C-alpha cells in the first residue's frame, strides 16, 4: 500500500516538473498554473528543509 502512495507522489512530482518546463516554453494557462503551484511547493519544501535556521546566520560548519 505504501508503495502505491510513493508511486503516486513520484508521478505528481514528475508531472509538476514537466509542467514547469512546458510553461517556460509558453504552454497553456492551466500548465502555467500547475507550474506556479509546483514552484511554490518546492519553495515550501526548501524552507521546511532548512529547519528554523535563518539563511543569513553563520554556524562555522563550512
PDB file of N, CA and C in Angstrom:
ATOM      1  N   UNK A   1       0.824  -1.205   0.000  1.00  0.00           N
ATOM      2  CA  UNK A   1       0.000   0.000   0.000  1.00  0.00           C
ATOM      3  C   UNK A   1       0.860   1.256   0.000  1.00  0.00           C
ATOM      4  N   UNK A   2       1.910   1.243   0.843  1.00  0.00           N
ATOM      5  CA  UNK A   2       2.773   2.426   0.910  1.00  0.00           C
ATOM      6  C   UNK A   2       3.497   2.640  -0.415  1.00  0.00           C
ATOM      7  N   UNK A   3       3.773   1.539  -1.115  1.00  0.00           N
ATOM      8  CA  UNK A   3       4.447   1.660  -2.414  1.00  0.00           C
ATOM      9  C   UNK A   3       3.551   2.400  -3.399  1.00  0.00           C
ATOM     10  N   UNK A   4       2.271   2.134  -3.375  1.00  0.00           N
ATOM     11  CA  UNK A   4       1.345   2.830  -4.271  1.00  0.00           C
ATOM     12  C   UNK A   4       1.290   4.327  -3.965  1.00  0.00           C
ATOM     13  N   UNK A   5       1.332   4.665  -2.700  1.00  0.00           N
ATOM     14  CA  UNK A   5       1.330   6.082  -2.314  1.00  0.00           C
ATOM     15  C   UNK A   5       2.612   6.756  -2.804  1.00  0.00           C
ATOM     16  N   UNK A   6       3.748   6.089  -2.621  1.00  0.00           N
ATOM     17  CA  UNK A   6       5.011   6.664  -3.070  1.00  0.00           C
ATOM     18  C   UNK A   6       5.073   6.793  -4.585  1.00  0.00           C
ATOM     19  N   UNK A   7       4.533   5.819  -5.297  1.00  0.00           N
ATOM     20  CA  UNK A   7       4.481   5.911  -6.756  1.00  0.00           C
ATOM     21  C   UNK A   7       3.584   7.073  -7.174  1.00  0.00           C
ATOM     22  N   UNK A   8       2.474   7.259  -6.489  1.00  0.00           N
ATOM     23  CA  UNK A   8       1.580   8.381  -6.784  1.00  0.00           C
ATOM     24  C   UNK A   8       2.260   9.720  -6.570  1.00  0.00           C
ATOM     25  N   UNK A   9       3.007   9.846  -5.478  1.00  0.00           N
ATOM     26  CA  UNK A   9       3.733  11.084  -5.211  1.00  0.00           C
ATOM     27  C   UNK A   9       4.797  11.315  -6.279  1.00  0.00           C
ATOM     28  N   UNK A  10       5.488  10.258  -6.679  1.00  0.00           N
ATOM     29  CA  UNK A  10       6.504  10.371  -7.714  1.00  0.00           C
ATOM     30  C   UNK A  10       5.899  10.830  -9.037  1.00  0.00           C
ATOM     31  N   UNK A  11       4.742  10.299  -9.381  1.00  0.00           N
ATOM     32  CA  UNK A  11       4.062  10.696 -10.621  1.00  0.00           C
ATOM     33  C   UNK A  11       3.678  12.177 -10.559  1.00  0.00           C
ATOM     34  N   UNK A  12       3.189  12.629  -9.410  1.00  0.00           N
ATOM     35  CA  UNK A  12       2.832  14.038  -9.271  1.00  0.00           C
ATOM     36  C   UNK A  12       4.048  14.948  -9.389  1.00  0.00           C
ATOM     37  N   UNK A  13       5.165  14.532  -8.820  1.00  0.00           N
ATOM     38  CA  UNK A  13       6.385  15.335  -8.896  1.00  0.00           C
ATOM     39  C   UNK A  13       6.877  15.430 -10.337  1.00  0.00           C
ATOM     40  N   UNK A  14       6.893  14.300 -11.026  1.00  0.00           N
ATOM     41  CA  UNK A  14       7.344  14.302 -12.419  1.00  0.00           C
ATOM     42  C   UNK A  14       6.411  15.153 -13.285  1.00  0.00           C
ATOM     43  N   UNK A  15       5.109  15.014 -13.069  1.00  0.00           N
ATOM     44  CA  UNK A  15       4.154  15.811 -13.833  1.00  0.00           C
ATOM     45  C   UNK A  15       4.336  17.302 -13.557  1.00  0.00           C
ATOM     46  N   UNK A  16       4.618  17.657 -12.310  1.00  0.00           N
ATOM     47  CA  UNK A  16       4.865  19.058 -11.978  1.00  0.00           C
ATOM     48  C   UNK A  16       6.106  19.588 -12.667  1.00  0.00           C
ATOM     49  N   UNK A  17       7.160  18.775 -12.711  1.00  0.00           N
ATOM     50  CA  UNK A  17       8.390  19.192 -13.402  1.00  0.00           C
ATOM     51  C   UNK A  17       8.154  19.371 -14.899  1.00  0.00           C
ATOM     52  N   UNK A  18       7.375  18.479 -15.479  1.00  0.00           N
ATOM     53  CA  UNK A  18       7.050  18.597 -16.899  1.00  0.00           C
ATOM     54  C   UNK A  18       6.278  19.890 -17.144  1.00  0.00           C
ATOM     55  N   UNK A  19       5.367  20.217 -16.256  1.00  0.00           N
ATOM     56  CA  UNK A  19       4.597  21.451 -16.417  1.00  0.00           C
ATOM     57  C   UNK A  19       5.468  22.686 -16.279  1.00  0.00           C
ATOM     58  N   UNK A  20       6.464  22.646 -15.398  1.00  0.00           N
ATOM     59  CA  UNK A  20       7.368  23.788 -15.252  1.00  0.00           C
ATOM     60  C   UNK A  20       8.134  24.016 -16.551  1.00  0.00           C
ATOM     61  N   UNK A  21       8.643  22.939 -17.139  1.00  0.00           N
ATOM     62  CA  UNK A  21       9.385  23.071 -18.402  1.00  0.00           C
ATOM     63  C   UNK A  21       8.460  23.543 -19.515  1.00  0.00           C
ATOM     64  N   UNK A  22       7.270  22.953 -19.579  1.00  0.00           N
ATOM     65  CA  UNK A  22       6.317  23.314 -20.627  1.00  0.00           C
ATOM     66  C   UNK A  22       5.906  24.782 -20.494  1.00  0.00           C
ATOM     67  N   UNK A  23       5.676  25.218 -19.256  1.00  0.00           N
ATOM     68  CA  UNK A  23       5.266  26.611 -19.041  1.00  0.00           C
ATOM     69  C   UNK A  23       6.384  27.574 -19.423  1.00  0.00           C
ATOM     70  N   UNK A  24       7.632  27.158 -19.214  1.00  0.00           N
ATOM     71  CA  UNK A  24       8.739  28.043 -19.589  1.00  0.00           C
ATOM     72  C   UNK A  24       8.817  28.213 -21.100  1.00  0.00           C
ATOM     73  N   UNK A  25       8.233  27.277 -21.836  1.00  0.00           N
ATOM     74  CA  UNK A  25       8.206  27.366 -23.293  1.00  0.00           C
ATOM     75  C   UNK A  25       6.898  27.957 -23.803  1.00  0.00           C
ATOM     76  N   UNK A  26       6.051  28.439 -22.886  1.00  0.00           N
ATOM     77  CA  UNK A  26       4.827  29.131 -23.294  1.00  0.00           C
ATOM     78  C   UNK A  26       3.626  28.226 -23.429  1.00  0.00           C
ATOM     79  N   UNK A  27       3.410  27.355 -22.481  1.00  0.00           N
ATOM     80  CA  UNK A  27       2.273  26.437 -22.534  1.00  0.00           C
ATOM     81  C   UNK A  27       0.953  27.127 -22.239  1.00  0.00           C
ATOM     82  N   UNK A  28      -0.124  26.351 -22.238  1.00  0.00           N
ATOM     83  CA  UNK A  28      -1.445  26.917 -21.939  1.00  0.00           C
ATOM     84  C   UNK A  28      -1.543  27.418 -20.502  1.00  0.00           C
ATOM     85  N   UNK A  29      -2.620  28.105 -20.221  1.00  0.00           N
ATOM     86  CA  UNK A  29      -2.802  28.738 -18.914  1.00  0.00           C
ATOM     87  C   UNK A  29      -2.810  27.720 -17.771  1.00  0.00           C
ATOM     88  N   UNK A  30      -3.447  26.562 -17.974  1.00  0.00           N
ATOM     89  CA  UNK A  30      -3.505  25.581 -16.884  1.00  0.00           C
ATOM     90  C   UNK A  30      -2.119  25.015 -16.585  1.00  0.00           C
ATOM     91  N   UNK A  31      -1.263  24.931 -17.580  1.00  0.00           N
ATOM     92  CA  UNK A  31       0.099  24.447 -17.354  1.00  0.00           C
ATOM     93  C   UNK A  31       0.880  25.470 -16.537  1.00  0.00           C
ATOM     94  N   UNK A  32       0.677  26.744 -16.843  1.00  0.00           N
ATOM     95  CA  UNK A  32       1.351  27.790 -16.071  1.00  0.00           C
ATOM     96  C   UNK A  32       0.873  27.801 -14.632  1.00  0.00           C
ATOM     97  N   UNK A  33      -0.411  27.505 -14.413  1.00  0.00           N
ATOM     98  CA  UNK A  33      -0.941  27.443 -13.048  1.00  0.00           C
ATOM     99  C   UNK A  33      -0.332  26.272 -12.284  1.00  0.00           C
ATOM    100  N   UNK A  34      -0.250  25.113 -12.929  1.00  0.00           N
ATOM    101  CA  UNK A  34       0.351  23.940 -12.279  1.00  0.00           C
ATOM    102  C   UNK A  34       1.826  24.202 -12.001  1.00  0.00           C
ATOM    103  N   UNK A  35       2.512  24.855 -12.919  1.00  0.00           N
ATOM    104  CA  UNK A  35       3.924  25.178 -12.721  1.00  0.00           C
ATOM    105  C   UNK A  35       4.104  26.120 -11.535  1.00  0.00           C
ATOM    106  N   UNK A  36       3.222  27.086 -11.400  1.00  0.00           N
ATOM    107  CA  UNK A  36       3.301  28.014 -10.272  1.00  0.00           C
ATOM    108  C   UNK A  36       3.117  27.285  -8.952  1.00  0.00           C
ATOM    109  N   UNK A  37       2.148  26.375  -8.909  1.00  0.00           N
ATOM    110  CA  UNK A  37       1.917  25.584  -7.695  1.00  0.00           C
ATOM    111  C   UNK A  37       3.124  24.695  -7.397  1.00  0.00           C
ATOM    112  N   UNK A  38       3.695  24.102  -8.429  1.00  0.00           N
ATOM    113  CA  UNK A  38       4.864  23.240  -8.243  1.00  0.00           C
ATOM    114  C   UNK A  38       6.051  24.022  -7.701  1.00  0.00           C
ATOM    115  N   UNK A  39       6.299  25.189  -8.261  1.00  0.00           N
ATOM    116  CA  UNK A  39       7.412  26.006  -7.783  1.00  0.00           C
ATOM    117  C   UNK A  39       7.181  26.488  -6.348  1.00  0.00           C
ATOM    118  N   UNK A  40       5.939  26.816  -6.027  1.00  0.00           N
ATOM    119  CA  UNK A  40       5.625  27.235  -4.653  1.00  0.00           C
ATOM    120  C   UNK A  40       5.823  26.080  -3.678  1.00  0.00           C
ATOM    121  N   UNK A  41       5.419  24.880  -4.068  1.00  0.00           N
ATOM    122  CA  UNK A  41       5.614  23.707  -3.212  1.00  0.00           C
ATOM    123  C   UNK A  41       7.097  23.426  -3.020  1.00  0.00           C
ATOM    124  N   UNK A  42       7.883  23.635  -4.062  1.00  0.00           N
ATOM    125  CA  UNK A  42       9.323  23.458  -3.935  1.00  0.00           C
ATOM    126  C   UNK A  42       9.945  24.455  -2.971  1.00  0.00           C
ATOM    127  N   UNK A  43       9.471  25.689  -3.018  1.00  0.00           N
ATOM    128  CA  UNK A  43       9.974  26.692  -2.076  1.00  0.00           C
ATOM    129  C   UNK A  43       9.589  26.350  -0.645  1.00  0.00           C
ATOM    130  N   UNK A  44       8.366  25.854  -0.457  1.00  0.00           N
ATOM    131  CA  UNK A  44       7.946  25.441   0.886  1.00  0.00           C
ATOM    132  C   UNK A  44       8.783  24.271   1.390  1.00  0.00           C
ATOM    133  N   UNK A  45       9.066  23.318   0.520  1.00  0.00           N
ATOM    134  CA  UNK A  45       9.888  22.169   0.905  1.00  0.00           C
ATOM    135  C   UNK A  45      11.304  22.617   1.251  1.00  0.00           C
ATOM    136  N   UNK A  46      11.824  23.566   0.488  1.00  0.00           N
ATOM    137  CA  UNK A  46      13.166  24.076   0.775  1.00  0.00           C
ATOM    138  C   UNK A  46      13.195  24.787   2.122  1.00  0.00           C
ATOM    139  N   UNK A  47      12.165  25.581   2.391  1.00  0.00           N
ATOM    140  CA  UNK A  47      12.100  26.297   3.664  1.00  0.00           C
ATOM    141  C   UNK A  47      11.947  25.326   4.830  1.00  0.00           C
ATOM    142  N   UNK A  48      11.171  24.270   4.629  1.00  0.00           N
ATOM    143  CA  UNK A  48      10.995  23.279   5.686  1.00  0.00           C
ATOM    144  C   UNK A  48      12.280  22.488   5.915  1.00  0.00           C
ATOM    145  N   UNK A  49      13.045  22.287   4.860  1.00  0.00           N
ATOM    146  CA  UNK A  49      14.290  21.553   4.978  1.00  0.00           C
ATOM    147  C   UNK A  49      15.361  22.327   5.739  1.00  0.00           C
ATOM    148  N   UNK A  50      15.226  23.629   5.742  1.00  0.00           N
ATOM    149  CA  UNK A  50      16.194  24.446   6.472  1.00  0.00           C
ATOM    150  C   UNK A  50      16.021  24.298   7.964  1.00  0.00           C
ATOM    151  N   UNK A  51      14.802  23.905   8.361  1.00  0.00           N
ATOM    152  CA  UNK A  51      14.599  23.718   9.789  1.00  0.00           C
ATOM    153  C   UNK A  51      14.309  25.025  10.476  1.00  0.00           C
ATOM    154  N   UNK A  52      14.601  25.720  11.155  1.00  0.00           N
ATOM    155  CA  UNK A  52      14.342  27.027  11.682  1.00  0.00           C
ATOM    156  C   UNK A  52      15.540  27.900  11.553  1.00  0.00           C
ATOM    157  N   UNK A  53      16.565  27.425  10.865  1.00  0.00           N
ATOM    158  CA  UNK A  53      17.775  28.224  10.696  1.00  0.00           C
ATOM    159  C   UNK A  53      17.511  29.378   9.755  1.00  0.00           C
ATOM    160  N   UNK A  54      18.042  30.512  10.092  1.00  0.00           N
ATOM    161  CA  UNK A  54      17.918  31.642   9.178  1.00  0.00           C
ATOM    162  C   UNK A  54      19.012  31.531   8.130  1.00  0.00           C
ATOM    163  N   UNK A  55      18.739  32.007   6.942  1.00  0.00           N
ATOM    164  CA  UNK A  55      19.692  31.847   5.852  1.00  0.00           C
ATOM    165  C   UNK A  55      20.915  32.746   6.013  1.00  0.00           C
ATOM    166  N   UNK A  56      20.846  33.764   6.835  1.00  0.00           N
ATOM    167  CA  UNK A  56      21.953  34.673   6.976  1.00  0.00           C
ATOM    168  C   UNK A  56      22.905  34.324   8.126  1.00  0.00           C
ATOM    169  N   UNK A  57      22.570  33.350   8.936  1.00  0.00           N
ATOM    170  CA  UNK A  57      23.402  33.030  10.081  1.00  0.00           C
ATOM    171  C   UNK A  57      24.579  32.157   9.679  1.00  0.00           C
ATOM    172  N   UNK A  58      25.682  32.337  10.330  1.00  0.00           N
ATOM    173  CA  UNK A  58      26.880  31.547  10.057  1.00  0.00           C
ATOM    174  C   UNK A  58      27.151  30.683  11.281  1.00  0.00           C
ATOM    175  N   UNK A  59      27.213  29.366  11.064  1.00  0.00           N
ATOM    176  CA  UNK A  59      27.439  28.455  12.196  1.00  0.00           C
ATOM    177  C   UNK A  59      28.844  27.920  12.224  1.00  0.00           C
ATOM    178  N   UNK A  60      29.646  28.170  11.195  1.00  0.00           N
ATOM    179  CA  UNK A  60      31.004  27.675  11.155  1.00  0.00           C
ATOM    180  C   UNK A  60      31.121  26.227  10.734  1.00  0.00           C
ATOM    181  N   UNK A  61      30.031  25.662  10.147  1.00  0.00           N
ATOM    182  CA  UNK A  61      30.047  24.273   9.714  1.00  0.00           C
ATOM    183  C   UNK A  61      30.583  24.111   8.305  1.00  0.00           C
ATOM    184  N   UNK A  62      31.076  25.176   7.702  1.00  0.00           N
ATOM    185  CA  UNK A  62      31.527  25.118   6.319  1.00  0.00           C
ATOM    186  C   UNK A  62      32.664  24.200   6.183  1.00  0.00           C
TER     187      UNK A  62
END
